[in-house]
C-alpha atoms as a PDB file:
ATOM      1  CA  MET A   1      78.697 108.830  91.121  1.00  0.00           C
ATOM      2  CA  LYS A   2      82.565 110.591  91.933  1.00  0.00           C
ATOM      3  CA  ILE A   3      84.863 108.010  93.358  1.00  0.00           C
ATOM      4  CA  GLY A   4      88.357 108.418  94.644  1.00  0.00           C
ATOM      5  CA  LEU A   5      91.155 105.853  96.204  1.00  0.00           C
ATOM      6  CA  ILE A   6      93.951 106.899  98.420  1.00  0.00           C
ATOM      7  CA  GLY A   7      96.380 103.769  98.055  1.00  0.00           C
ATOM      8  CA  CYS A   8      97.338 102.746  94.244  1.00  0.00           C
ATOM      9  CA  GLY A   9      98.403  99.291  95.325  1.00  0.00           C
ATOM     10  CA  LYS A  10      97.250  95.401  93.414  1.00  0.00           C
ATOM     11  CA  MET A  11      94.033  95.530  95.904  1.00  0.00           C
ATOM     12  CA  GLY A  12      92.982 100.132  95.006  1.00  0.00           C
ATOM     13  CA  SER A  13      93.756  99.357  91.487  1.00  0.00           C
ATOM     14  CA  ALA A  14      91.829  96.418  90.972  1.00  0.00           C
ATOM     15  CA  LEU A  15      88.807  97.822  92.721  1.00  0.00           C
ATOM     16  CA  ILE A  16      88.799 100.646  89.693  1.00  0.00           C
ATOM     17  CA  GLN A  17      89.895  98.240  86.958  1.00  0.00           C
ATOM     18  CA  GLY A  18      87.186  96.926  88.010  1.00  0.00           C
ATOM     19  CA  VAL A  19      84.319  99.572  88.110  1.00  0.00           C
ATOM     20  CA  LEU A  20      85.745 100.695  85.075  1.00  0.00           C
ATOM     21  CA  ALA A  21      85.044  97.992  83.482  1.00  0.00           C
ATOM     22  CA  ALA A  22      81.510  97.542  85.175  1.00  0.00           C
ATOM     23  CA  LYS A  23      80.630 100.504  83.814  1.00  0.00           C
ATOM     24  CA  VAL A  24      80.050 101.877  87.037  1.00  0.00           C
ATOM     25  CA  CYS A  25      81.048 104.983  86.303  1.00  0.00           C
ATOM     26  CA  GLN A  26      83.373 107.137  83.626  1.00  0.00           C
ATOM     27  CA  PHE A  27      87.331 107.848  83.740  1.00  0.00           C
ATOM     28  CA  ALA A  28      86.580 111.268  84.686  1.00  0.00           C
ATOM     29  CA  ASP A  29      85.105 110.673  87.823  1.00  0.00           C
ATOM     30  CA  ILE A  30      87.974 108.318  88.911  1.00  0.00           C
ATOM     31  CA  LEU A  31      90.501 110.425  91.027  1.00  0.00           C
ATOM     32  CA  VAL A  32      93.295 108.565  92.922  1.00  0.00           C
ATOM     33  CA  TYR A  33      96.316 109.125  94.215  1.00  0.00           C
ATOM     34  CA  ASP A  34      98.640 107.488  96.236  1.00  0.00           C
ATOM     35  CA  ARG A  35     102.550 108.315  99.077  1.00  0.00           C
ATOM     36  CA  VAL A  36     104.296 106.527  96.113  1.00  0.00           C
ATOM     37  CA  LEU A  37     103.637 109.190  92.795  1.00  0.00           C
ATOM     38  CA  GLU A  38     104.607 106.863  90.432  1.00  0.00           C
ATOM     39  CA  SER A  39     102.351 104.362  91.205  1.00  0.00           C
ATOM     40  CA  ALA A  40      98.681 106.934  91.351  1.00  0.00           C
ATOM     41  CA  LYS A  41     100.706 107.970  87.547  1.00  0.00           C
ATOM     42  CA  THR A  42     101.504 104.401  86.796  1.00  0.00           C
ATOM     43  CA  LEU A  43      97.569 103.555  87.099  1.00  0.00           C
ATOM     44  CA  GLY A  44      96.072 107.080  85.755  1.00  0.00           C
ATOM     45  CA  LYS A  45      97.823 105.378  82.018  1.00  0.00           C
ATOM     46  CA  GLU A  46      97.072 102.172  82.063  1.00  0.00           C
ATOM     47  CA  SER A  47      93.601 102.907  82.911  1.00  0.00           C
ATOM     48  CA  GLY A  48      92.583 106.906  81.901  1.00  0.00           C
ATOM     49  CA  VAL A  49      91.335 107.800  85.446  1.00  0.00           C
ATOM     50  CA  LEU A  50      92.363 110.910  86.887  1.00  0.00           C
ATOM     51  CA  VAL A  51      95.671 111.341  89.363  1.00  0.00           C
ATOM     52  CA  ALA A  52      95.625 113.892  92.150  1.00  0.00           C
ATOM     53  CA  ALA A  53      97.753 115.700  94.002  1.00  0.00           C
ATOM     54  CA  GLY A  54      97.118 114.322  97.671  1.00  0.00           C
ATOM     55  CA  ASN A  55      95.125 112.951  99.677  1.00  0.00           C
ATOM     56  CA  ARG A  56      93.171 116.172 100.662  1.00  0.00           C
ATOM     57  CA  GLU A  57      91.764 116.545  97.191  1.00  0.00           C
ATOM     58  CA  VAL A  58      90.437 113.342  97.091  1.00  0.00           C
ATOM     59  CA  ALA A  59      88.634 113.613  99.371  1.00  0.00           C
ATOM     60  CA  LYS A  60      87.440 116.990  99.305  1.00  0.00           C
ATOM     61  CA  LYS A  61      86.563 115.933  94.913  1.00  0.00           C
ATOM     62  CA  THR A  62      84.778 112.654  95.054  1.00  0.00           C
ATOM     63  CA  GLU A  63      81.428 111.668  97.173  1.00  0.00           C
ATOM     64  CA  ILE A  64      82.797 108.131  98.131  1.00  0.00           C
ATOM     65  CA  ILE A  65      86.567 106.979  99.483  1.00  0.00           C
ATOM     66  CA  LEU A  66      87.792 104.456  98.714  1.00  0.00           C
ATOM     67  CA  LEU A  67      91.095 103.744 101.463  1.00  0.00           C
ATOM     68  CA  CYS A  68      92.798 100.904 100.073  1.00  0.00           C
ATOM     69  CA  VAL A  69      96.714 101.696 102.422  1.00  0.00           C
ATOM     70  CA  LYS A  70      97.944  99.554 105.252  1.00  0.00           C
ATOM     71  CA  PRO A  71      96.222  99.993 108.270  1.00  0.00           C
ATOM     72  CA  ASN A  72      99.128 101.281 109.954  1.00  0.00           C
ATOM     73  CA  ASP A  73      98.790 104.237 108.057  1.00  0.00           C
ATOM     74  CA  ALA A  74      94.823 104.146 107.660  1.00  0.00           C
ATOM     75  CA  LEU A  75      93.819 106.295 111.063  1.00  0.00           C
ATOM     76  CA  ALA A  76      96.580 109.154 109.949  1.00  0.00           C
ATOM     77  CA  VAL A  77      95.949 109.163 106.443  1.00  0.00           C
ATOM     78  CA  LEU A  78      91.416 110.203 107.953  1.00  0.00           C
ATOM     79  CA  ALA A  79      92.988 112.477 110.213  1.00  0.00           C
ATOM     80  CA  GLU A  80      94.653 114.198 107.244  1.00  0.00           C
ATOM     81  CA  ALA A  81      92.029 115.116 105.141  1.00  0.00           C
ATOM     82  CA  ARG A  82      89.666 114.960 107.981  1.00  0.00           C
ATOM     83  CA  VAL A  83      87.765 118.246 107.032  1.00  0.00           C
ATOM     84  CA  GLU A  84      86.984 117.184 103.819  1.00  0.00           C
ATOM     85  CA  LEU A  85      85.551 113.967 104.809  1.00  0.00           C
ATOM     86  CA  GLU A  86      82.644 115.200 106.669  1.00  0.00           C
ATOM     87  CA  GLY A  87      79.685 114.211 104.510  1.00  0.00           C
ATOM     88  CA  LYS A  88      81.444 111.282 102.489  1.00  0.00           C
ATOM     89  CA  LEU A  89      81.027 107.811 102.337  1.00  0.00           C
ATOM     90  CA  LEU A  90      84.000 106.574 103.997  1.00  0.00           C
ATOM     91  CA  ILE A  91      84.844 102.336 102.536  1.00  0.00           C
ATOM     92  CA  SER A  92      87.730 101.116 103.971  1.00  0.00           C
ATOM     93  CA  ILE A  93      89.854  98.050 102.999  1.00  0.00           C
ATOM     94  CA  ALA A  94      91.963  98.536 105.810  1.00  0.00           C
ATOM     95  CA  ALA A  95      92.195  95.063 108.070  1.00  0.00           C
ATOM     96  CA  GLY A  96      91.253  95.477 111.541  1.00  0.00           C
ATOM     97  CA  VAL A  97      91.117  98.675 111.826  1.00  0.00           C
ATOM     98  CA  THR A  98      87.555  98.869 113.574  1.00  0.00           C
ATOM     99  CA  ILE A  99      85.333 101.601 113.367  1.00  0.00           C
ATOM    100  CA  ALA A 100      84.848 103.264 115.710  1.00  0.00           C
ATOM    101  CA  SER A 101      89.029 103.928 115.467  1.00  0.00           C
ATOM    102  CA  LEU A 102      87.420 104.995 111.063  1.00  0.00           C
ATOM    103  CA  GLN A 103      85.377 107.052 112.543  1.00  0.00           C
ATOM    104  CA  LYS A 104      87.082 108.928 115.341  1.00  0.00           C
ATOM    105  CA  ALA A 105      90.186 110.369 113.399  1.00  0.00           C
ATOM    106  CA  ALA A 106      87.373 110.930 110.365  1.00  0.00           C
ATOM    107  CA  GLY A 107      84.976 112.721 112.269  1.00  0.00           C
ATOM    108  CA  GLN A 108      81.541 111.960 113.034  1.00  0.00           C
ATOM    109  CA  GLY A 109      80.414 113.901 109.794  1.00  0.00           C
ATOM    110  CA  CYS A 110      81.943 111.034 107.392  1.00  0.00           C
ATOM    111  CA  ARG A 111      79.860 107.275 106.931  1.00  0.00           C
ATOM    112  CA  ILE A 112      82.141 104.395 107.127  1.00  0.00           C
ATOM    113  CA  VAL A 113      81.831 101.135 105.395  1.00  0.00           C
ATOM    114  CA  ARG A 114      84.167  98.549 106.324  1.00  0.00           C
ATOM    115  CA  VAL A 115      85.156  96.183 103.886  1.00  0.00           C
ATOM    116  CA  MET A 116      87.128  92.855 103.652  1.00  0.00           C
ATOM    117  CA  PRO A 117      87.605  91.451 100.059  1.00  0.00           C
ATOM    118  CA  ASN A 118      90.177  88.804  99.432  1.00  0.00           C
ATOM    119  CA  THR A 119      93.384  88.696  96.210  1.00  0.00           C
ATOM    120  CA  PRO A 120      90.752  86.886  93.893  1.00  0.00           C
ATOM    121  CA  VAL A 121      89.359  90.151  93.400  1.00  0.00           C
ATOM    122  CA  LEU A 122      92.578  90.681  90.821  1.00  0.00           C
ATOM    123  CA  VAL A 123      90.598  88.495  88.738  1.00  0.00           C
ATOM    124  CA  ARG A 124      86.837  89.770  89.373  1.00  0.00           C
ATOM    125  CA  LYS A 125      86.110  86.685  91.238  1.00  0.00           C
ATOM    126  CA  GLY A 126      85.949  88.218  94.396  1.00  0.00           C
ATOM    127  CA  ALA A 127      84.868  87.068  98.143  1.00  0.00           C
ATOM    128  CA  SER A 128      83.833  89.991 100.372  1.00  0.00           C
ATOM    129  CA  ALA A 129      82.367  90.490 102.951  1.00  0.00           C
ATOM    130  CA  TYR A 130      81.751  94.157 104.698  1.00  0.00           C
ATOM    131  CA  ALA A 131      80.195  95.947 108.384  1.00  0.00           C
ATOM    132  CA  LEU A 132      77.859  98.955 108.112  1.00  0.00           C
ATOM    133  CA  GLY A 133      79.030 101.912 110.424  1.00  0.00           C
ATOM    134  CA  GLU A 134      75.795 104.817 111.375  1.00  0.00           C
ATOM    135  CA  GLY A 135      74.613 106.615 109.320  1.00  0.00           C
ATOM    136  CA  VAL A 136      75.128 104.970 106.414  1.00  0.00           C
ATOM    137  CA  SER A 137      71.781 105.146 104.364  1.00  0.00           C
ATOM    138  CA  GLN A 138      70.156 102.036 101.806  1.00  0.00           C
ATOM    139  CA  GLU A 139      71.607 104.724  99.058  1.00  0.00           C
ATOM    140  CA  ASN A 140      75.299 104.661 100.392  1.00  0.00           C
ATOM    141  CA  VAL A 141      74.699 100.598 100.263  1.00  0.00           C
ATOM    142  CA  SER A 142      73.934 100.131  96.536  1.00  0.00           C
ATOM    143  CA  ALA A 143      76.450 102.369  95.531  1.00  0.00           C
ATOM    144  CA  MET A 144      79.273 100.409  97.658  1.00  0.00           C
ATOM    145  CA  GLU A 145      77.925  96.633  96.388  1.00  0.00           C
ATOM    146  CA  GLN A 146      78.101  98.205  92.626  1.00  0.00           C
ATOM    147  CA  ILE A 147      81.725  98.360  93.480  1.00  0.00           C
ATOM    148  CA  PHE A 148      82.654  94.930  95.569  1.00  0.00           C
ATOM    149  CA  THR A 149      80.137  93.266  92.919  1.00  0.00           C
ATOM    150  CA  SER A 150      82.083  95.027  90.354  1.00  0.00           C
ATOM    151  CA  VAL A 151      85.304  92.398  91.410  1.00  0.00           C
ATOM    152  CA  GLY A 152      82.825  88.764  92.828  1.00  0.00           C
ATOM    153  CA  LEU A 153      80.358  88.886  95.228  1.00  0.00           C
ATOM    154  CA  ALA A 154      79.843  91.154  98.004  1.00  0.00           C
ATOM    155  CA  PHE A 155      77.565  90.260 102.003  1.00  0.00           C
ATOM    156  CA  SER A 156      76.935  91.654 104.846  1.00  0.00           C
ATOM    157  CA  VAL A 157      77.658  90.941 107.887  1.00  0.00           C
ATOM    158  CA  GLU A 158      77.837  92.369 111.839  1.00  0.00           C
ATOM    159  CA  GLU A 159      81.904  93.414 112.240  1.00  0.00           C
ATOM    160  CA  SER A 160      82.146  90.950 115.225  1.00  0.00           C
ATOM    161  CA  PHE A 161      82.382  88.232 112.524  1.00  0.00           C
ATOM    162  CA  LEU A 162      85.150  89.902 110.233  1.00  0.00           C
ATOM    163  CA  ASP A 163      88.111  88.424 111.660  1.00  0.00           C
ATOM    164  CA  ALA A 164      86.444  84.639 111.210  1.00  0.00           C
ATOM    165  CA  VAL A 165      85.939  86.406 107.198  1.00  0.00           C
ATOM    166  CA  THR A 166      89.378  87.091 107.633  1.00  0.00           C
ATOM    167  CA  GLY A 167      90.221  83.607 108.455  1.00  0.00           C
ATOM    168  CA  LEU A 168      87.683  82.036 105.897  1.00  0.00           C
ATOM    169  CA  SER A 169      87.466  84.130 102.192  1.00  0.00           C
ATOM    170  CA  GLY A 170      90.856  86.513 103.445  1.00  0.00           C
ATOM    171  CA  SER A 171      93.519  83.737 103.816  1.00  0.00           C
ATOM    172  CA  GLY A 172      90.751  81.506 102.715  1.00  0.00           C
ATOM    173  CA  PRO A 173      92.782  81.090  98.962  1.00  0.00           C
ATOM    174  CA  ALA A 174      96.323  80.518  99.709  1.00  0.00           C
ATOM    175  CA  TYR A 175      94.893  77.135 101.829  1.00  0.00           C
ATOM    176  CA  ALA A 176      92.880  76.542  98.111  1.00  0.00           C
ATOM    177  CA  TYR A 177      96.150  77.451  96.818  1.00  0.00           C
ATOM    178  CA  LEU A 178      98.157  74.670  98.889  1.00  0.00           C
ATOM    179  CA  PHE A 179      96.148  72.555  98.168  1.00  0.00           C
ATOM    180  CA  ILE A 180      96.080  72.820  94.698  1.00  0.00           C
ATOM    181  CA  GLU A 181      99.785  72.270  94.809  1.00  0.00           C
ATOM    182  CA  ALA A 182      99.769  68.652  96.816  1.00  0.00           C
ATOM    183  CA  LEU A 183      96.809  67.653  94.499  1.00  0.00           C
ATOM    184  CA  ALA A 184      99.403  68.362  91.060  1.00  0.00           C
ATOM    185  CA  GLU A 185     103.009  67.013  92.834  1.00  0.00           C
ATOM    186  CA  GLY A 186     100.323  63.864  94.093  1.00  0.00           C
ATOM    187  CA  GLY A 187      99.887  63.400  90.145  1.00  0.00           C
ATOM    188  CA  VAL A 188     103.367  64.609  89.416  1.00  0.00           C
ATOM    189  CA  GLN A 189     104.553  61.369  91.993  1.00  0.00           C
ATOM    190  CA  MET A 190     102.053  58.946  89.781  1.00  0.00           C
ATOM    191  CA  GLY A 191     103.721  60.038  86.284  1.00  0.00           C
ATOM    192  CA  LEU A 192     101.853  62.776  84.705  1.00  0.00           C
ATOM    193  CA  SER A 193     103.495  65.430  83.535  1.00  0.00           C
ATOM    194  CA  GLN A 194     104.825  68.752  85.497  1.00  0.00           C
ATOM    195  CA  GLU A 195     102.389  70.439  83.694  1.00  0.00           C
ATOM    196  CA  LEU A 196      99.686  67.940  82.968  1.00  0.00           C
ATOM    197  CA  ALA A 197      99.263  66.952  86.607  1.00  0.00           C
ATOM    198  CA  MET A 198      98.791  71.186  86.909  1.00  0.00           C
ATOM    199  CA  GLU A 199      96.356  72.089  85.042  1.00  0.00           C
ATOM    200  CA  LEU A 200      93.492  68.905  85.510  1.00  0.00           C
ATOM    201  CA  ALA A 201      94.560  70.108  89.715  1.00  0.00           C
ATOM    202  CA  VAL A 202      93.578  73.662  88.696  1.00  0.00           C
ATOM    203  CA  GLN A 203      90.341  72.913  86.849  1.00  0.00           C
ATOM    204  CA  THR A 204      89.452  70.332  89.249  1.00  0.00           C
ATOM    205  CA  VAL A 205      89.129  72.783  92.286  1.00  0.00           C
ATOM    206  CA  ALA A 206      87.502  75.642  89.656  1.00  0.00           C
ATOM    207  CA  GLY A 207      84.915  72.486  88.237  1.00  0.00           C
ATOM    208  CA  ALA A 208      83.923  71.060  92.251  1.00  0.00           C
ATOM    209  CA  ALA A 209      83.323  75.082  93.247  1.00  0.00           C
ATOM    210  CA  GLU A 210      81.233  76.026  90.633  1.00  0.00           C
ATOM    211  CA  MET A 211      79.753  72.264  91.288  1.00  0.00           C
ATOM    212  CA  VAL A 212      79.063  73.837  94.420  1.00  0.00           C
ATOM    213  CA  SER A 213      78.155  77.332  92.809  1.00  0.00           C
ATOM    214  CA  GLN A 214      75.802  77.166  90.181  1.00  0.00           C
ATOM    215  CA  THR A 215      73.919  73.360  91.576  1.00  0.00           C
ATOM    216  CA  LYS A 216      73.023  74.979  96.047  1.00  0.00           C
ATOM    217  CA  GLN A 217      73.926  71.225  96.714  1.00  0.00           C
ATOM    218  CA  HIS A 218      75.699  70.571  99.768  1.00  0.00           C
ATOM    219  CA  PRO A 219      79.634  69.646  99.345  1.00  0.00           C
ATOM    220  CA  VAL A 220      78.358  66.159 101.117  1.00  0.00           C
ATOM    221  CA  GLU A 221      75.603  65.855  98.532  1.00  0.00           C
ATOM    222  CA  LEU A 222      78.383  66.628  95.847  1.00  0.00           C
ATOM    223  CA  ARG A 223      80.357  64.202  96.623  1.00  0.00           C
ATOM    224  CA  GLN A 224      78.767  61.416  97.377  1.00  0.00           C
ATOM    225  CA  MET A 225      77.639  61.643  93.860  1.00  0.00           C
ATOM    226  CA  VAL A 226      81.322  60.666  93.314  1.00  0.00           C
ATOM    227  CA  THR A 227      81.958  58.102  95.689  1.00  0.00           C
ATOM    228  CA  SER A 228      81.822  54.686  94.718  1.00  0.00           C
ATOM    229  CA  PRO A 229      81.041  52.373  97.355  1.00  0.00           C
ATOM    230  CA  GLY A 230      84.515  50.798  97.277  1.00  0.00           C
ATOM    231  CA  GLY A 231      86.062  52.573  94.391  1.00  0.00           C
ATOM    232  CA  THR A 232      89.169  54.867  93.761  1.00  0.00           C
ATOM    233  CA  THR A 233      87.272  57.862  95.322  1.00  0.00           C
ATOM    234  CA  VAL A 234      86.763  56.228  98.579  1.00  0.00           C
ATOM    235  CA  ALA A 235      89.875  55.482  98.974  1.00  0.00           C
ATOM    236  CA  GLY A 236      91.154  58.411  97.676  1.00  0.00           C
ATOM    237  CA  LEU A 237      89.167  60.242 100.763  1.00  0.00           C
ATOM    238  CA  ALA A 238      90.211  57.436 103.820  1.00  0.00           C
ATOM    239  CA  ALA A 239      94.184  58.691 103.182  1.00  0.00           C
ATOM    240  CA  LEU A 240      93.449  62.476 103.624  1.00  0.00           C
ATOM    241  CA  GLU A 241      91.075  61.489 106.529  1.00  0.00           C
ATOM    242  CA  ARG A 242      93.949  59.405 108.029  1.00  0.00           C
ATOM    243  CA  GLY A 243      95.584  63.290 107.799  1.00  0.00           C
ATOM    244  CA  ARG A 244      93.047  65.108 108.802  1.00  0.00           C
ATOM    245  CA  MET A 245      92.610  67.264 106.214  1.00  0.00           C
ATOM    246  CA  THR A 246      89.161  68.486 107.349  1.00  0.00           C
ATOM    247  CA  ASP A 247      90.050  69.091 110.928  1.00  0.00           C
ATOM    248  CA  SER A 248      93.489  70.765 109.320  1.00  0.00           C
ATOM    249  CA  LEU A 249      91.345  73.281 107.649  1.00  0.00           C
ATOM    250  CA  LYS A 250      88.954  73.783 110.408  1.00  0.00           C
ATOM    251  CA  ASP A 251      92.541  74.839 112.556  1.00  0.00           C
ATOM    252  CA  ALA A 252      93.558  76.940 109.552  1.00  0.00           C
ATOM    253  CA  VAL A 253      90.715  79.203 109.528  1.00  0.00           C
ATOM    254  CA  ARG A 254      90.381  79.950 114.306  1.00  0.00           C
ATOM    255  CA  ALA A 255      94.439  80.303 113.792  1.00  0.00           C
ATOM    256  CA  ALA A 256      94.075  82.619 111.019  1.00  0.00           C
ATOM    257  CA  THR A 257      91.195  84.328 113.028  1.00  0.00           C
ATOM    258  CA  LEU A 258      92.968  84.578 116.187  1.00  0.00           C
ATOM    259  CA  ARG A 259      95.562  86.244 114.497  1.00  0.00           C
ATOM    260  CA  SER A 260      93.673  88.692 112.542  1.00  0.00           C
ATOM    261  CA  ARG A 261      92.035  89.512 116.082  1.00  0.00           C
ATOM    262  CA  GLU A 262      95.547  89.814 117.615  1.00  0.00           C
ATOM    263  CA  LEU A 263      97.112  91.884 114.818  1.00  0.00           C
ATOM    264  CA  GLY A 264      93.540  94.632 114.619  1.00  0.00           C
ATOM    265  CA  SER A 265      94.184  95.304 118.315  1.00  0.00           C
ATOM    266  CA  ARG A 266      97.158  96.462 117.454  1.00  0.00           C
ATOM    267  CA  HIS A 267      95.884  99.633 114.724  1.00  0.00           C
ATOM    268  CA  ASN A 268      92.785 100.335 116.872  1.00  0.00           C
ATOM    269  CA  GLN A 269      92.666 103.757 118.714  1.00  0.00           C
ATOM    270  CA  GLU A 270      91.779 103.580 122.214  1.00  0.00           C
END
């Protein structure tokens, strides 16, 4: 497949690096462009992909176009390349910009998939959710999934749920980083060195997540495995609940979801 990238920031570049590592396509089959030409040239130099002179060239010469620009720029980019997008598959990661708005700007002949990835795609541990526009074929879906599973996992959702995805997995890494930071600081307060406390916190959280992933057991069951009556874990969990940790996390997802809806309304055409 021939893949085009418009927007060579961290997310776009990570997707291209993942595609190449997974051998989804060859270097010569990828064409990239960024309005900051130096960003495109840097990606070209680091990965061996080809650099285009503009958005229209990317759309004209490739079959699948990854739109990885800022939400404010997305519709203008599509309008510029509208003619060349006819019959192509467009995959947009522009947060908050709806399929309807993307379709209006790109034209009815363009097939659209909207994806919400998160920053761990940078280390190929991403969680992405996608919603399909009209006319997207199973072949299109397979091609899109090849791209996003090269940098993590990909899940199909209705577009109406993408704001909730943003609130959970889009913003979720920040919640996890805060948890790791606080866990390590607690260790330091109890006498551990900063370096050791951080190493232990990172490995503990990573290991716990892997336990959920591999065992397929509910977190409640796994939590019960390390919770003995009257033991240390019970004391720790009681302290967390006094601080309303679970309610706070739920509130965080809700607040981020509502903010995503609010911001999204600003980017869309009537």
